[in-house]
Structure formats: C-alpha cells, structure tokens
N, C-alpha and C. Protein backbone atom coordinates (compact mmCIF):
# COMPACT_ATOMS: atom_id res chain seq x y z
N UNK A 1 105.47 130.62 -22.43
CA UNK A 1 105.71 131.59 -23.53
C UNK A 1 105.70 130.85 -24.84
N UNK A 2 105.32 131.70 -25.90
CA UNK A 2 105.15 131.06 -27.16
C UNK A 2 106.64 130.95 -27.80
N UNK A 3 106.73 130.83 -29.04
CA UNK A 3 108.07 130.56 -29.59
C UNK A 3 108.89 131.99 -29.78
N UNK A 4 109.47 132.26 -28.60
CA UNK A 4 110.08 133.60 -28.69
C UNK A 4 111.38 133.57 -29.45
N UNK A 5 112.08 132.46 -29.61
CA UNK A 5 113.29 132.37 -30.36
C UNK A 5 112.94 132.63 -31.87
N UNK A 6 111.84 132.01 -32.30
CA UNK A 6 111.30 132.30 -33.66
C UNK A 6 110.94 133.65 -33.81
N UNK A 7 110.29 134.24 -32.82
CA UNK A 7 109.89 135.66 -32.90
C UNK A 7 111.16 136.53 -33.01
N UNK A 8 112.19 136.20 -32.28
CA UNK A 8 113.42 137.03 -32.37
C UNK A 8 113.98 136.98 -33.78
N UNK A 9 113.98 135.77 -34.41
CA UNK A 9 114.39 135.60 -35.71
C UNK A 9 113.72 136.47 -36.69
N UNK A 10 112.27 136.60 -36.50
CA UNK A 10 111.55 137.36 -37.37
C UNK A 10 111.81 138.91 -37.05
N UNK A 11 112.07 139.24 -35.88
CA UNK A 11 112.56 140.67 -35.54
C UNK A 11 113.81 141.10 -36.29
N UNK A 12 114.81 140.21 -36.13
CA UNK A 12 116.14 140.57 -36.67
C UNK A 12 116.04 140.51 -38.16
N UNK A 13 115.16 139.83 -38.87
CA UNK A 13 115.01 139.87 -40.36
C UNK A 13 114.41 141.17 -40.66
N UNK A 14 113.67 141.81 -39.93
CA UNK A 14 113.11 143.12 -40.26
C UNK A 14 114.18 144.23 -40.20
N UNK A 15 114.95 144.09 -39.11
CA UNK A 15 116.06 144.98 -38.83
C UNK A 15 117.17 145.07 -39.82
N UNK A 16 117.49 143.76 -40.28
CA UNK A 16 118.51 143.69 -41.32
C UNK A 16 119.84 143.23 -40.70
N UNK A 17 120.74 144.18 -40.29
CA UNK A 17 122.03 143.87 -39.82
C UNK A 17 121.98 143.77 -38.22
N UNK A 18 121.41 142.64 -37.84
CA UNK A 18 121.46 142.34 -36.35
C UNK A 18 122.36 141.30 -36.10
N UNK A 19 123.08 141.27 -34.99
CA UNK A 19 124.05 140.35 -34.59
C UNK A 19 123.70 139.32 -33.55
N UNK A 20 122.95 139.74 -32.57
CA UNK A 20 122.37 138.99 -31.51
C UNK A 20 121.12 139.58 -30.96
N UNK A 21 120.31 138.75 -30.37
CA UNK A 21 119.06 139.27 -29.68
C UNK A 21 118.74 138.27 -28.56
N UNK A 22 118.19 138.78 -27.47
CA UNK A 22 117.88 137.84 -26.41
C UNK A 22 116.78 138.59 -25.57
N UNK A 23 115.99 137.72 -24.97
CA UNK A 23 114.95 138.18 -24.01
C UNK A 23 115.43 137.58 -22.68
N UNK A 24 115.58 138.51 -21.71
CA UNK A 24 116.01 138.05 -20.39
C UNK A 24 115.04 138.42 -19.34
N UNK A 25 114.96 137.74 -18.27
CA UNK A 25 114.24 138.12 -17.10
C UNK A 25 115.13 139.25 -16.41
N UNK A 26 114.46 140.10 -15.74
CA UNK A 26 115.24 141.20 -15.08
C UNK A 26 116.22 140.73 -14.15
N UNK A 27 116.30 139.44 -13.67
CA UNK A 27 117.32 138.87 -12.85
C UNK A 27 118.52 138.39 -13.70
N UNK A 28 118.36 138.47 -14.97
CA UNK A 28 119.56 137.97 -15.96
C UNK A 28 119.39 136.64 -16.42
N UNK A 29 118.26 135.99 -16.23
CA UNK A 29 118.14 134.58 -16.78
C UNK A 29 117.61 134.65 -18.31
N UNK A 30 118.24 134.04 -19.12
CA UNK A 30 118.04 134.07 -20.50
C UNK A 30 116.56 133.31 -20.69
N UNK A 31 115.72 133.94 -21.52
CA UNK A 31 114.43 133.21 -21.81
C UNK A 31 114.48 132.81 -23.31
N UNK A 32 115.05 133.51 -24.11
CA UNK A 32 115.07 133.25 -25.59
C UNK A 32 116.36 133.93 -26.16
N UNK A 33 116.94 133.27 -27.15
CA UNK A 33 118.13 133.88 -27.81
C UNK A 33 118.13 133.69 -29.31
N UNK A 34 118.89 134.55 -30.07
CA UNK A 34 119.00 134.45 -31.38
C UNK A 34 120.43 134.93 -31.67
N UNK A 35 121.12 134.30 -32.62
CA UNK A 35 122.40 134.78 -33.10
C UNK A 35 123.66 134.15 -32.39
N UNK A 36 124.71 134.80 -32.42
CA UNK A 36 125.90 134.30 -31.74
C UNK A 36 126.44 135.35 -30.74
N UNK A 37 126.65 134.88 -29.55
CA UNK A 37 127.18 135.84 -28.62
C UNK A 37 127.43 134.84 -27.28
N UNK A 38 128.14 135.35 -26.39
CA UNK A 38 128.26 134.68 -25.03
C UNK A 38 127.08 135.02 -24.25
N UNK A 39 125.88 134.42 -24.46
CA UNK A 39 124.65 134.89 -24.01
C UNK A 39 124.60 134.90 -22.47
N UNK A 40 125.27 134.00 -21.87
CA UNK A 40 125.26 134.03 -20.35
C UNK A 40 125.83 135.27 -19.86
N UNK A 41 127.01 135.61 -20.43
CA UNK A 41 127.67 136.89 -20.06
C UNK A 41 126.81 138.17 -20.37
N UNK A 42 126.33 138.16 -21.64
CA UNK A 42 125.58 139.23 -22.08
C UNK A 42 124.32 139.45 -21.28
N UNK A 43 123.61 138.28 -20.92
CA UNK A 43 122.36 138.36 -20.11
C UNK A 43 122.70 138.95 -18.72
N UNK A 44 123.82 138.50 -18.12
CA UNK A 44 124.22 139.01 -16.79
C UNK A 44 124.50 140.51 -16.86
N UNK A 45 125.31 140.94 -17.85
CA UNK A 45 125.66 142.38 -17.99
C UNK A 45 124.47 143.23 -18.37
N UNK A 46 123.67 142.79 -19.26
CA UNK A 46 122.54 143.61 -19.63
C UNK A 46 121.54 143.72 -18.40
N UNK A 47 121.30 142.72 -17.67
CA UNK A 47 120.56 142.69 -16.46
C UNK A 47 120.90 143.67 -15.55
N UNK A 48 122.34 143.68 -15.21
CA UNK A 48 122.90 144.60 -14.23
C UNK A 48 122.71 146.01 -14.74
N UNK A 49 123.07 146.30 -16.05
CA UNK A 49 122.91 147.64 -16.72
C UNK A 49 121.50 148.09 -16.49
N UNK A 50 120.55 147.27 -16.82
CA UNK A 50 119.07 147.54 -16.79
C UNK A 50 118.75 148.01 -15.35
N UNK A 51 119.16 147.18 -14.41
CA UNK A 51 118.76 147.42 -13.00
C UNK A 51 119.34 148.85 -12.59
N UNK A 52 120.52 149.12 -12.99
CA UNK A 52 121.05 150.49 -12.68
C UNK A 52 120.27 151.63 -13.41
N UNK A 53 119.96 151.39 -14.59
CA UNK A 53 119.08 152.41 -15.32
C UNK A 53 117.81 152.59 -14.60
N UNK A 54 117.13 151.51 -14.38
CA UNK A 54 115.75 151.62 -13.68
C UNK A 54 115.88 152.18 -12.32
N UNK A 55 116.98 151.96 -11.62
CA UNK A 55 117.08 152.46 -10.23
C UNK A 55 117.42 154.05 -10.34
N UNK A 56 117.77 154.44 -11.48
CA UNK A 56 118.15 155.91 -11.70
C UNK A 56 116.89 156.69 -12.17
N UNK A 57 115.63 156.11 -12.11
CA UNK A 57 114.49 156.82 -12.60
C UNK A 57 114.26 158.15 -12.07
N UNK A 58 114.84 158.45 -10.85
CA UNK A 58 114.64 159.82 -10.45
C UNK A 58 115.22 160.83 -11.32
N UNK A 59 116.26 160.40 -12.03
CA UNK A 59 116.83 161.25 -12.99
C UNK A 59 115.82 161.60 -14.19
N UNK A 60 114.96 160.69 -14.32
CA UNK A 60 113.96 160.83 -15.44
C UNK A 60 112.63 161.27 -14.91
N UNK A 61 112.67 162.04 -13.86
CA UNK A 61 111.38 162.57 -13.24
C UNK A 61 110.51 161.51 -12.78
N UNK A 62 111.02 160.57 -12.04
CA UNK A 62 110.22 159.49 -11.50
C UNK A 62 109.55 158.51 -12.42
N UNK A 63 110.04 158.49 -13.57
CA UNK A 63 109.40 157.60 -14.73
C UNK A 63 110.39 156.60 -15.01
N UNK A 64 110.00 155.33 -15.01
CA UNK A 64 111.02 154.33 -15.40
C UNK A 64 111.42 154.42 -16.86
N UNK A 65 112.66 153.98 -17.09
CA UNK A 65 113.16 154.07 -18.54
C UNK A 65 112.45 152.95 -19.27
N UNK A 66 112.31 153.25 -20.59
CA UNK A 66 111.66 152.22 -21.44
C UNK A 66 112.85 151.54 -22.41
N UNK A 67 113.75 152.41 -22.74
CA UNK A 67 114.73 151.99 -23.62
C UNK A 67 116.07 152.63 -23.23
N UNK A 68 117.17 151.83 -23.63
CA UNK A 68 118.51 152.37 -23.37
C UNK A 68 119.26 151.88 -24.62
N UNK A 69 120.18 152.74 -25.19
CA UNK A 69 121.00 152.30 -26.34
C UNK A 69 122.44 152.69 -26.02
N UNK A 70 123.27 151.69 -26.26
CA UNK A 70 124.73 151.87 -26.10
C UNK A 70 125.34 151.67 -27.47
N UNK A 71 126.03 152.68 -27.98
CA UNK A 71 126.49 152.61 -29.38
C UNK A 71 127.97 152.97 -29.40
N UNK A 72 128.70 152.21 -30.38
CA UNK A 72 130.02 152.73 -30.70
C UNK A 72 130.21 152.35 -32.18
N UNK A 73 131.37 152.58 -32.63
CA UNK A 73 131.65 152.26 -34.10
C UNK A 73 131.36 150.86 -34.54
N UNK A 74 131.36 149.97 -33.67
CA UNK A 74 131.11 148.51 -34.10
C UNK A 74 129.59 148.07 -34.14
N UNK A 75 128.75 148.90 -33.50
CA UNK A 75 127.46 148.54 -33.47
C UNK A 75 126.69 149.23 -32.15
N UNK A 76 125.52 148.66 -31.93
CA UNK A 76 124.74 149.30 -30.78
C UNK A 76 123.96 148.21 -30.06
N UNK A 77 123.95 148.22 -28.82
CA UNK A 77 123.02 147.32 -28.00
C UNK A 77 121.84 148.26 -27.67
N UNK A 78 120.58 147.74 -27.92
CA UNK A 78 119.50 148.37 -27.55
C UNK A 78 118.77 147.40 -26.39
N UNK A 79 118.44 148.04 -25.38
CA UNK A 79 117.65 147.36 -24.28
C UNK A 79 116.31 147.99 -24.10
N UNK A 80 115.33 147.14 -24.33
CA UNK A 80 113.89 147.63 -24.29
C UNK A 80 113.11 146.82 -23.20
N UNK A 81 112.42 147.60 -22.34
CA UNK A 81 111.60 146.94 -21.44
C UNK A 81 110.43 146.30 -21.92
N UNK A 82 110.22 145.02 -21.38
CA UNK A 82 109.11 144.20 -21.87
C UNK A 82 108.20 144.00 -20.56
N UNK A 83 107.75 145.14 -20.04
CA UNK A 83 107.08 144.97 -18.77
C UNK A 83 107.96 145.11 -17.47
N UNK A 84 107.50 144.74 -16.45
CA UNK A 84 108.38 144.86 -15.20
C UNK A 84 109.43 143.73 -15.08
N UNK A 85 109.25 142.61 -15.70
CA UNK A 85 110.05 141.57 -15.43
C UNK A 85 110.98 141.06 -16.57
N UNK A 86 110.78 141.55 -17.78
CA UNK A 86 111.59 141.07 -18.84
C UNK A 86 112.21 142.28 -19.67
N UNK A 87 113.31 141.95 -20.28
CA UNK A 87 114.06 142.94 -21.16
C UNK A 87 114.37 142.42 -22.42
N UNK A 88 114.24 143.07 -23.57
CA UNK A 88 114.75 142.59 -24.87
C UNK A 88 116.09 143.35 -25.04
N UNK A 89 117.21 142.53 -25.39
CA UNK A 89 118.46 143.01 -25.67
C UNK A 89 118.85 142.76 -27.11
N UNK A 90 119.18 143.74 -27.94
CA UNK A 90 119.42 143.46 -29.35
C UNK A 90 120.63 144.21 -29.84
N UNK A 91 121.59 143.42 -30.32
CA UNK A 91 122.85 143.95 -30.93
C UNK A 91 122.66 144.21 -32.45
N UNK A 92 122.73 145.49 -32.84
CA UNK A 92 122.71 145.76 -34.34
C UNK A 92 124.05 146.21 -34.90
N UNK A 93 124.18 146.23 -36.17
CA UNK A 93 125.38 146.58 -36.79
C UNK A 93 125.54 148.15 -36.75
N UNK A 94 126.69 148.61 -37.12
CA UNK A 94 127.00 150.04 -36.98
C UNK A 94 126.17 150.97 -37.98
N UNK A 95 125.70 150.40 -39.14
CA UNK A 95 125.11 151.16 -40.08
C UNK A 95 123.49 151.20 -39.99
N UNK A 96 123.02 150.42 -39.07
CA UNK A 96 121.54 150.37 -38.85
C UNK A 96 121.08 151.62 -38.13
N UNK A 97 120.24 152.32 -38.66
CA UNK A 97 119.69 153.65 -37.96
C UNK A 97 119.10 153.33 -36.61
N UNK A 98 119.46 153.92 -35.49
CA UNK A 98 118.91 153.68 -34.21
C UNK A 98 117.31 153.72 -34.13
N UNK A 99 116.81 154.69 -34.97
CA UNK A 99 115.28 154.77 -34.89
C UNK A 99 114.63 153.51 -35.46
N UNK A 100 115.30 152.92 -36.45
CA UNK A 100 114.82 151.67 -37.11
C UNK A 100 114.83 150.53 -36.06
N UNK A 101 115.79 150.38 -35.39
CA UNK A 101 115.90 149.33 -34.41
C UNK A 101 114.87 149.50 -33.31
N UNK A 102 114.74 150.81 -32.74
CA UNK A 102 113.72 151.16 -31.84
C UNK A 102 112.27 150.85 -32.23
N UNK A 103 112.00 151.27 -33.56
CA UNK A 103 110.65 151.07 -34.06
C UNK A 103 110.32 149.65 -34.06
N UNK A 104 111.20 148.73 -34.79
CA UNK A 104 110.86 147.42 -34.91
C UNK A 104 110.90 146.76 -33.60
N UNK A 105 111.77 147.04 -32.61
CA UNK A 105 111.72 146.28 -31.37
C UNK A 105 110.50 146.74 -30.56
N UNK A 106 110.00 147.94 -30.63
CA UNK A 106 108.82 148.29 -29.94
C UNK A 106 107.57 147.58 -30.57
N UNK A 107 107.57 147.56 -32.00
CA UNK A 107 106.53 146.90 -32.62
C UNK A 107 106.46 145.41 -32.23
N UNK A 108 107.64 144.73 -32.20
CA UNK A 108 107.71 143.39 -31.83
C UNK A 108 107.17 143.20 -30.26
N UNK A 109 107.56 144.06 -29.44
CA UNK A 109 107.23 143.99 -28.06
C UNK A 109 105.67 144.02 -27.94
N UNK A 110 105.07 144.93 -28.70
CA UNK A 110 103.60 145.09 -28.72
C UNK A 110 102.96 143.83 -29.18
N UNK A 111 103.48 143.27 -30.35
CA UNK A 111 102.89 142.07 -30.88
C UNK A 111 103.00 140.91 -29.86
N UNK A 112 104.02 140.84 -29.08
CA UNK A 112 104.22 139.79 -28.12
C UNK A 112 103.97 140.06 -26.60
N UNK A 113 103.16 141.15 -26.36
CA UNK A 113 103.02 141.68 -24.99
C UNK A 113 102.34 140.70 -24.05
N UNK A 114 101.48 139.87 -24.59
CA UNK A 114 100.81 138.83 -23.80
C UNK A 114 101.83 137.92 -23.18
N UNK A 115 102.98 137.73 -23.81
CA UNK A 115 103.99 136.78 -23.23
C UNK A 115 104.70 137.44 -21.99
N UNK A 116 104.60 138.67 -21.81
CA UNK A 116 105.36 139.38 -20.87
C UNK A 116 104.41 139.95 -19.83
N UNK A 117 103.14 139.75 -19.88
CA UNK A 117 102.22 140.29 -18.88
C UNK A 117 102.32 139.63 -17.53
C-alpha cells in the first residue's frame, strides 16, 4: 500500500475538524492511522460494529452497507467501506456537517481505490 498515513492527513485537512482517522482490515488490524486515539481499541470496536452492520444487510434489501455514522454532541464516527476487506473510520468534530465528511471520505476512497482492490 502507498503512503496511507499521509493520505489520511490530507483527508482530514480537507474536512477541517477531524480528531482521528484510521484504515483497518475488516478483521480489526490497523493499516494506517492519523491523530490521537487508542487506535487498538478503536480498530477492534469499529471492526466489530462494521461486521454487525454488514451482517444485517438483509435489512437493507440484500445490499451491503457502504457507510455508517454514529453521532453525538461530541462528534461523529463515520465508517466507510473500502471494498470487501478494508474500512475507513474517521472521527470528526461536532460542528462538521455529516455530508461534508461523507463527501470527502468517499472522494478519498475513490482516489485510493487501487490500494484496496
């Protein structure tokens, strides 16, 4: 894989108020990180949450989920599928519009899609 940590830094610069970002394998192994967080715990929790969402695809008419957002007053985690094996997890601040985060995260995923094929 190319310089994904540098790529994550460029992504969060576009978003503005981002706190942490990581690319994980669907098994929970960290591939690249940016920011400050307990990445080992975050990776494990995000991978487990993503597995549960993906296994619930029958609720989505047999189509796999592409994104998941968990938001509260402190901010939001966005999980974005990067193919079958990888997930982007991004923590943004509370004032960042969700659409902005989704737009830039999807744009970043497209720009880096060869890394996740």
